[in-house]
Amino acid sequence: MASSDEEGEIVPNCITNYHFVDSNGGVASFSILPLQWGEDDILGALNSEIFLRGTADDGLQPIYKKVLAWRFELSYALPEIHVLSKDKIWIKLLKPRTGYVDTIRTVLITVHFLHFVKKNPDTVGGIVWNYIGKSLRC
């Protein structure tokens, strides 16, 4: 876990059972956040405040953090999605809250598709959809 300068707060490296809410408390997708491609390349503008809710430390630490951007990484065995906290710390998103999967399904399918095609550029459609179906069972 990383430390924040604000009141000695500990910011976790990864979150489970997560979902995002807007400033009114409504459910939101992290895809409305600006997407960061490189170190300094953030695409899009943040038009509203978005907050990450979830748990860390095997459910022992509740998390509520303002987030500024998101990114995905395709280089690992499984794709990874991270969000940038207001403290400028990247937080890895693990398993979303069960009811939240429908809200972010399109983003998850896209990231998993890109990951699979990057690793298997000569594959055919049916195999890709089988992989995505297995990967997104939450």
N, C-alpha and C. Protein backbone atom coordinates (compact mmCIF):
# COMPACT_ATOMS: atom_id res chain seq x y z
N MET A 1 0.83 -1.18 0.00
CA MET A 1 0.00 0.00 0.00
C MET A 1 0.87 1.24 0.00
N ALA A 2 0.35 2.28 -0.59
CA ALA A 2 1.07 3.54 -0.65
C ALA A 2 0.52 4.50 0.39
N SER A 3 1.34 5.43 0.83
CA SER A 3 0.89 6.42 1.79
C SER A 3 0.50 7.71 1.10
N SER A 4 -0.46 8.38 1.65
CA SER A 4 -0.89 9.68 1.16
C SER A 4 -0.40 10.73 2.15
N ASP A 5 -0.09 11.91 1.65
CA ASP A 5 0.34 12.98 2.54
C ASP A 5 -0.80 13.49 3.40
N GLU A 6 -2.01 13.24 2.98
CA GLU A 6 -3.18 13.76 3.66
C GLU A 6 -3.51 12.93 4.89
N GLU A 7 -3.23 13.44 6.07
CA GLU A 7 -3.59 12.83 7.35
C GLU A 7 -3.03 11.42 7.51
N GLY A 8 -1.89 11.11 6.91
CA GLY A 8 -1.29 9.80 7.07
C GLY A 8 -2.13 8.67 6.51
N GLU A 9 -3.01 8.98 5.59
CA GLU A 9 -3.93 8.01 5.01
C GLU A 9 -3.17 6.99 4.16
N ILE A 10 -3.56 5.74 4.27
CA ILE A 10 -2.95 4.68 3.46
C ILE A 10 -3.84 4.43 2.26
N VAL A 11 -3.24 4.47 1.08
CA VAL A 11 -3.97 4.24 -0.16
C VAL A 11 -3.60 2.84 -0.66
N PRO A 12 -4.59 1.97 -0.83
CA PRO A 12 -4.29 0.60 -1.25
C PRO A 12 -3.84 0.54 -2.71
N ASN A 13 -3.13 -0.53 -3.05
CA ASN A 13 -2.67 -0.74 -4.43
C ASN A 13 -3.74 -1.38 -5.29
N CYS A 14 -4.67 -2.12 -4.66
CA CYS A 14 -5.72 -2.78 -5.43
C CYS A 14 -7.02 -2.81 -4.63
N ILE A 15 -8.11 -2.88 -5.38
CA ILE A 15 -9.46 -2.81 -4.80
C ILE A 15 -10.30 -3.96 -5.33
N THR A 16 -11.11 -4.54 -4.46
CA THR A 16 -12.08 -5.55 -4.88
C THR A 16 -13.48 -5.05 -4.52
N ASN A 17 -14.46 -5.76 -5.02
CA ASN A 17 -15.86 -5.45 -4.73
C ASN A 17 -16.13 -3.95 -4.97
N TYR A 18 -15.61 -3.45 -6.09
CA TYR A 18 -15.66 -2.02 -6.35
C TYR A 18 -16.83 -1.61 -7.24
N HIS A 19 -17.13 -0.35 -7.17
CA HIS A 19 -18.02 0.33 -8.11
C HIS A 19 -17.69 1.81 -8.04
N PHE A 20 -18.21 2.57 -8.98
CA PHE A 20 -17.95 4.00 -9.03
C PHE A 20 -19.25 4.76 -8.90
N VAL A 21 -19.18 5.90 -8.23
CA VAL A 21 -20.35 6.75 -8.07
C VAL A 21 -19.98 8.17 -8.47
N ASP A 22 -20.99 8.91 -8.92
CA ASP A 22 -20.75 10.32 -9.24
C ASP A 22 -21.00 11.17 -8.00
N SER A 23 -20.89 12.47 -8.14
CA SER A 23 -21.02 13.36 -6.99
C SER A 23 -22.42 13.35 -6.38
N ASN A 24 -23.40 12.85 -7.13
CA ASN A 24 -24.77 12.74 -6.61
C ASN A 24 -25.05 11.38 -5.99
N GLY A 25 -24.06 10.49 -5.99
CA GLY A 25 -24.24 9.16 -5.43
C GLY A 25 -24.76 8.14 -6.42
N GLY A 26 -24.96 8.55 -7.67
CA GLY A 26 -25.43 7.62 -8.69
C GLY A 26 -24.31 6.75 -9.23
N VAL A 27 -24.65 5.55 -9.66
CA VAL A 27 -23.66 4.63 -10.21
C VAL A 27 -23.12 5.19 -11.52
N ALA A 28 -21.80 5.09 -11.70
CA ALA A 28 -21.14 5.60 -12.91
C ALA A 28 -20.10 4.60 -13.39
N SER A 29 -19.81 4.63 -14.66
CA SER A 29 -18.75 3.80 -15.22
C SER A 29 -17.44 4.57 -15.19
N PHE A 30 -16.35 3.87 -14.91
CA PHE A 30 -15.05 4.55 -14.91
C PHE A 30 -14.67 4.99 -16.32
N SER A 31 -15.37 4.50 -17.33
CA SER A 31 -15.04 4.87 -18.71
C SER A 31 -15.35 6.34 -19.01
N ILE A 32 -16.11 7.01 -18.15
CA ILE A 32 -16.34 8.44 -18.37
C ILE A 32 -15.16 9.28 -17.90
N LEU A 33 -14.24 8.64 -17.18
CA LEU A 33 -13.01 9.33 -16.79
C LEU A 33 -12.09 9.46 -18.00
N PRO A 34 -11.20 10.42 -18.00
CA PRO A 34 -10.21 10.50 -19.08
C PRO A 34 -9.34 9.24 -19.09
N LEU A 35 -8.96 8.81 -20.28
CA LEU A 35 -8.12 7.62 -20.45
C LEU A 35 -6.67 8.05 -20.59
N GLN A 36 -5.78 7.44 -19.83
CA GLN A 36 -4.36 7.77 -19.92
C GLN A 36 -3.66 6.70 -20.74
N TRP A 37 -3.03 7.11 -21.85
CA TRP A 37 -2.31 6.18 -22.72
C TRP A 37 -0.86 6.05 -22.33
N GLY A 38 -0.22 7.15 -21.99
CA GLY A 38 1.19 7.12 -21.63
C GLY A 38 1.40 7.89 -20.34
N GLU A 39 2.65 8.17 -20.03
CA GLU A 39 2.96 8.88 -18.79
C GLU A 39 2.22 10.21 -18.67
N ASP A 40 2.22 10.98 -19.75
CA ASP A 40 1.61 12.30 -19.71
C ASP A 40 0.45 12.47 -20.68
N ASP A 41 0.05 11.39 -21.34
CA ASP A 41 -0.99 11.47 -22.37
C ASP A 41 -2.34 11.08 -21.80
N ILE A 42 -3.12 12.06 -21.39
CA ILE A 42 -4.46 11.81 -20.90
C ILE A 42 -5.44 12.32 -21.95
N LEU A 43 -6.30 11.42 -22.43
CA LEU A 43 -7.29 11.78 -23.44
C LEU A 43 -8.62 12.05 -22.77
N GLY A 44 -9.22 13.16 -23.12
CA GLY A 44 -10.52 13.50 -22.57
C GLY A 44 -10.40 14.45 -21.41
N ALA A 45 -11.55 14.91 -20.98
CA ALA A 45 -11.61 15.85 -19.86
C ALA A 45 -12.55 15.30 -18.80
N LEU A 46 -12.24 15.58 -17.58
CA LEU A 46 -13.08 15.15 -16.47
C LEU A 46 -14.19 16.18 -16.28
N ASN A 47 -15.41 15.78 -16.60
CA ASN A 47 -16.54 16.71 -16.56
C ASN A 47 -17.31 16.65 -15.25
N SER A 48 -17.08 15.64 -14.44
CA SER A 48 -17.75 15.54 -13.15
C SER A 48 -16.86 14.77 -12.18
N GLU A 49 -17.20 14.85 -10.92
CA GLU A 49 -16.42 14.12 -9.92
C GLU A 49 -16.88 12.67 -9.89
N ILE A 50 -15.91 11.77 -9.91
CA ILE A 50 -16.19 10.33 -9.84
C ILE A 50 -15.42 9.76 -8.66
N PHE A 51 -16.08 8.89 -7.91
CA PHE A 51 -15.48 8.30 -6.72
C PHE A 51 -15.48 6.78 -6.82
N LEU A 52 -14.38 6.19 -6.38
CA LEU A 52 -14.23 4.74 -6.32
C LEU A 52 -14.67 4.27 -4.94
N ARG A 53 -15.56 3.29 -4.91
CA ARG A 53 -15.96 2.65 -3.66
C ARG A 53 -15.62 1.19 -3.77
N GLY A 54 -15.10 0.63 -2.71
CA GLY A 54 -14.76 -0.78 -2.71
C GLY A 54 -14.08 -1.16 -1.42
N THR A 55 -13.37 -2.28 -1.46
CA THR A 55 -12.67 -2.73 -0.27
C THR A 55 -11.25 -3.15 -0.63
N ALA A 56 -10.39 -3.08 0.37
CA ALA A 56 -9.01 -3.53 0.25
C ALA A 56 -8.72 -4.45 1.43
N ASP A 57 -7.57 -5.06 1.42
CA ASP A 57 -7.15 -5.95 2.51
C ASP A 57 -8.18 -7.04 2.79
N ASP A 58 -8.56 -7.75 1.73
CA ASP A 58 -9.52 -8.86 1.86
C ASP A 58 -10.84 -8.42 2.48
N GLY A 59 -11.28 -7.23 2.13
CA GLY A 59 -12.57 -6.74 2.62
C GLY A 59 -12.53 -6.04 3.95
N LEU A 60 -11.36 -5.90 4.55
CA LEU A 60 -11.26 -5.29 5.88
C LEU A 60 -11.21 -3.77 5.86
N GLN A 61 -10.79 -3.19 4.74
CA GLN A 61 -10.65 -1.74 4.67
C GLN A 61 -11.59 -1.17 3.61
N PRO A 62 -12.64 -0.46 4.03
CA PRO A 62 -13.51 0.19 3.04
C PRO A 62 -12.78 1.36 2.38
N ILE A 63 -13.03 1.55 1.10
CA ILE A 63 -12.35 2.59 0.33
C ILE A 63 -13.39 3.50 -0.31
N TYR A 64 -13.14 4.79 -0.24
CA TYR A 64 -13.94 5.80 -0.94
C TYR A 64 -12.97 6.87 -1.39
N LYS A 65 -12.62 6.88 -2.68
CA LYS A 65 -11.57 7.76 -3.20
C LYS A 65 -12.05 8.48 -4.45
N LYS A 66 -11.72 9.75 -4.54
CA LYS A 66 -11.94 10.49 -5.78
C LYS A 66 -10.90 10.02 -6.79
N VAL A 67 -11.35 9.79 -8.03
CA VAL A 67 -10.44 9.34 -9.07
C VAL A 67 -10.46 10.30 -10.25
N LEU A 68 -9.33 10.36 -10.97
CA LEU A 68 -9.15 11.37 -12.01
C LEU A 68 -9.04 10.82 -13.42
N ALA A 69 -8.54 9.59 -13.57
CA ALA A 69 -8.32 9.02 -14.90
C ALA A 69 -8.27 7.50 -14.77
N TRP A 70 -8.23 6.83 -15.91
CA TRP A 70 -8.07 5.37 -15.89
C TRP A 70 -7.12 4.96 -17.01
N ARG A 71 -6.61 3.75 -16.90
CA ARG A 71 -5.74 3.18 -17.93
C ARG A 71 -5.89 1.66 -17.89
N PHE A 72 -5.45 1.02 -18.96
CA PHE A 72 -5.43 -0.44 -18.96
C PHE A 72 -4.07 -0.91 -19.44
N GLU A 73 -3.70 -2.10 -19.01
CA GLU A 73 -2.41 -2.69 -19.34
C GLU A 73 -2.66 -4.07 -19.94
N LEU A 74 -2.09 -4.30 -21.11
CA LEU A 74 -2.31 -5.56 -21.82
C LEU A 74 -1.10 -6.49 -21.78
N SER A 75 -0.03 -6.10 -21.13
CA SER A 75 1.23 -6.85 -21.19
C SER A 75 1.29 -8.06 -20.27
N TYR A 76 0.40 -8.17 -19.33
CA TYR A 76 0.47 -9.25 -18.35
C TYR A 76 -0.36 -10.46 -18.80
N ALA A 77 -0.35 -11.52 -18.01
CA ALA A 77 -1.11 -12.73 -18.34
C ALA A 77 -2.60 -12.42 -18.47
N LEU A 78 -3.10 -11.52 -17.65
CA LEU A 78 -4.47 -11.04 -17.74
C LEU A 78 -4.43 -9.52 -17.86
N PRO A 79 -5.41 -8.93 -18.54
CA PRO A 79 -5.40 -7.47 -18.63
C PRO A 79 -5.65 -6.84 -17.26
N GLU A 80 -5.08 -5.67 -17.06
CA GLU A 80 -5.27 -4.95 -15.80
C GLU A 80 -5.85 -3.58 -16.09
N ILE A 81 -6.75 -3.16 -15.21
CA ILE A 81 -7.34 -1.82 -15.29
C ILE A 81 -6.99 -1.10 -14.00
N HIS A 82 -6.53 0.14 -14.14
CA HIS A 82 -6.15 0.97 -12.99
C HIS A 82 -6.88 2.30 -13.07
N VAL A 83 -7.10 2.90 -11.91
CA VAL A 83 -7.62 4.27 -11.85
C VAL A 83 -6.63 5.12 -11.06
N LEU A 84 -6.56 6.38 -11.42
CA LEU A 84 -5.65 7.32 -10.78
C LEU A 84 -6.40 8.08 -9.69
N SER A 85 -5.95 7.93 -8.45
CA SER A 85 -6.60 8.63 -7.34
C SER A 85 -6.19 10.10 -7.35
N LYS A 86 -6.92 10.90 -6.59
CA LYS A 86 -6.58 12.32 -6.49
C LYS A 86 -5.20 12.52 -5.88
N ASP A 87 -4.70 11.48 -5.20
CA ASP A 87 -3.37 11.52 -4.59
C ASP A 87 -2.27 11.16 -5.59
N LYS A 88 -2.67 10.98 -6.87
CA LYS A 88 -1.74 10.63 -7.96
C LYS A 88 -1.14 9.23 -7.77
N ILE A 89 -1.94 8.32 -7.23
CA ILE A 89 -1.53 6.93 -7.05
C ILE A 89 -2.44 6.05 -7.89
N TRP A 90 -1.84 5.15 -8.67
CA TRP A 90 -2.62 4.23 -9.50
C TRP A 90 -3.11 3.08 -8.64
N ILE A 91 -4.40 2.79 -8.74
CA ILE A 91 -5.03 1.71 -7.97
C ILE A 91 -5.55 0.67 -8.96
N LYS A 92 -5.12 -0.56 -8.76
CA LYS A 92 -5.54 -1.66 -9.64
C LYS A 92 -6.95 -2.12 -9.25
N LEU A 93 -7.80 -2.27 -10.25
CA LEU A 93 -9.16 -2.76 -10.03
C LEU A 93 -9.15 -4.27 -10.20
N LEU A 94 -9.60 -4.99 -9.19
CA LEU A 94 -9.66 -6.44 -9.28
C LEU A 94 -11.08 -6.86 -9.63
N LYS A 95 -11.80 -7.43 -8.72
CA LYS A 95 -13.14 -7.93 -9.01
C LYS A 95 -14.19 -6.88 -8.68
N PRO A 96 -15.04 -6.52 -9.66
CA PRO A 96 -16.09 -5.53 -9.38
C PRO A 96 -17.21 -6.12 -8.53
N ARG A 97 -17.97 -5.23 -7.93
CA ARG A 97 -19.18 -5.65 -7.20
C ARG A 97 -20.10 -6.35 -8.20
N THR A 98 -20.75 -7.39 -7.78
CA THR A 98 -21.55 -8.22 -8.68
C THR A 98 -22.56 -7.39 -9.49
N GLY A 99 -23.30 -6.54 -8.87
CA GLY A 99 -24.30 -5.74 -9.58
C GLY A 99 -23.72 -4.68 -10.48
N TYR A 100 -22.44 -4.41 -10.35
CA TYR A 100 -21.79 -3.36 -11.12
C TYR A 100 -21.28 -3.85 -12.47
N VAL A 101 -21.14 -5.14 -12.65
CA VAL A 101 -20.57 -5.70 -13.88
C VAL A 101 -21.36 -5.25 -15.10
N ASP A 102 -22.68 -5.21 -15.01
CA ASP A 102 -23.48 -4.78 -16.15
C ASP A 102 -23.17 -3.35 -16.57
N THR A 103 -22.82 -2.50 -15.62
CA THR A 103 -22.51 -1.10 -15.91
C THR A 103 -21.22 -0.97 -16.73
N ILE A 104 -20.26 -1.84 -16.48
CA ILE A 104 -18.95 -1.72 -17.13
C ILE A 104 -18.67 -2.84 -18.12
N ARG A 105 -19.68 -3.64 -18.44
CA ARG A 105 -19.49 -4.80 -19.31
C ARG A 105 -18.82 -4.44 -20.64
N THR A 106 -19.24 -3.38 -21.30
CA THR A 106 -18.67 -3.00 -22.59
C THR A 106 -17.18 -2.71 -22.48
N VAL A 107 -16.78 -2.01 -21.44
CA VAL A 107 -15.36 -1.70 -21.25
C VAL A 107 -14.58 -2.98 -20.98
N LEU A 108 -15.11 -3.85 -20.12
CA LEU A 108 -14.42 -5.10 -19.82
C LEU A 108 -14.27 -5.97 -21.06
N ILE A 109 -15.32 -6.07 -21.86
CA ILE A 109 -15.25 -6.86 -23.09
C ILE A 109 -14.19 -6.29 -24.02
N THR A 110 -14.17 -4.99 -24.17
CA THR A 110 -13.20 -4.34 -25.07
C THR A 110 -11.77 -4.59 -24.61
N VAL A 111 -11.51 -4.40 -23.33
CA VAL A 111 -10.15 -4.59 -22.81
C VAL A 111 -9.73 -6.06 -22.93
N HIS A 112 -10.61 -6.98 -22.60
CA HIS A 112 -10.27 -8.40 -22.73
C HIS A 112 -10.09 -8.80 -24.19
N PHE A 113 -10.89 -8.23 -25.08
CA PHE A 113 -10.73 -8.49 -26.51
C PHE A 113 -9.36 -8.01 -26.99
N LEU A 114 -9.00 -6.78 -26.66
CA LEU A 114 -7.70 -6.24 -27.07
C LEU A 114 -6.55 -7.09 -26.52
N HIS A 115 -6.67 -7.51 -25.28
CA HIS A 115 -5.65 -8.34 -24.66
C HIS A 115 -5.49 -9.66 -25.41
N PHE A 116 -6.60 -10.32 -25.69
CA PHE A 116 -6.54 -11.62 -26.37
C PHE A 116 -5.98 -11.49 -27.78
N VAL A 117 -6.43 -10.50 -28.52
CA VAL A 117 -5.97 -10.31 -29.89
C VAL A 117 -4.49 -9.92 -29.93
N LYS A 118 -4.04 -9.17 -28.94
CA LYS A 118 -2.61 -8.82 -28.87
C LYS A 118 -1.77 -10.09 -28.68
N LYS A 119 -2.24 -10.99 -27.84
CA LYS A 119 -1.49 -12.23 -27.56
C LYS A 119 -1.68 -13.27 -28.67
N ASN A 120 -2.81 -13.20 -29.38
CA ASN A 120 -3.15 -14.21 -30.40
C ASN A 120 -3.64 -13.51 -31.67
N PRO A 121 -2.76 -12.87 -32.42
CA PRO A 121 -3.20 -12.06 -33.56
C PRO A 121 -3.84 -12.85 -34.70
N ASP A 122 -3.59 -14.14 -34.79
CA ASP A 122 -4.12 -14.94 -35.90
C ASP A 122 -5.36 -15.74 -35.53
N THR A 123 -5.97 -15.43 -34.43
CA THR A 123 -7.11 -16.21 -33.96
C THR A 123 -8.39 -15.88 -34.72
N VAL A 124 -9.38 -16.75 -34.60
CA VAL A 124 -10.67 -16.52 -35.26
C VAL A 124 -11.73 -16.13 -34.23
N GLY A 125 -12.84 -15.58 -34.70
CA GLY A 125 -13.88 -15.00 -33.86
C GLY A 125 -14.42 -15.87 -32.74
N GLY A 126 -14.75 -17.12 -33.03
CA GLY A 126 -15.36 -17.98 -32.02
C GLY A 126 -14.46 -18.20 -30.82
N ILE A 127 -13.18 -18.34 -31.06
CA ILE A 127 -12.22 -18.56 -29.97
C ILE A 127 -12.13 -17.31 -29.09
N VAL A 128 -12.16 -16.15 -29.72
CA VAL A 128 -12.10 -14.89 -28.96
C VAL A 128 -13.31 -14.80 -28.03
N TRP A 129 -14.49 -15.07 -28.56
CA TRP A 129 -15.70 -14.94 -27.74
C TRP A 129 -15.74 -15.97 -26.62
N ASN A 130 -15.21 -17.17 -26.87
CA ASN A 130 -15.11 -18.16 -25.79
C ASN A 130 -14.21 -17.65 -24.67
N TYR A 131 -13.07 -17.08 -25.05
CA TYR A 131 -12.14 -16.53 -24.07
C TYR A 131 -12.80 -15.41 -23.26
N ILE A 132 -13.46 -14.50 -23.95
CA ILE A 132 -14.10 -13.38 -23.26
C ILE A 132 -15.19 -13.88 -22.32
N GLY A 133 -15.97 -14.84 -22.78
CA GLY A 133 -17.02 -15.40 -21.93
C GLY A 133 -16.47 -16.01 -20.65
N LYS A 134 -15.37 -16.75 -20.77
CA LYS A 134 -14.75 -17.35 -19.58
C LYS A 134 -14.11 -16.30 -18.69
N SER A 135 -13.50 -15.29 -19.28
CA SER A 135 -12.80 -14.26 -18.52
C SER A 135 -13.73 -13.39 -17.70
N LEU A 136 -14.92 -13.16 -18.19
CA LEU A 136 -15.81 -12.20 -17.53
C LEU A 136 -16.83 -12.84 -16.61
N ARG A 137 -16.68 -14.08 -16.30
CA ARG A 137 -17.57 -14.69 -15.31
C ARG A 137 -17.14 -14.21 -13.94
N CYS A 138 -17.95 -13.38 -13.34
CA CYS A 138 -17.61 -12.82 -12.02
C CYS A 138 -18.39 -13.51 -10.92
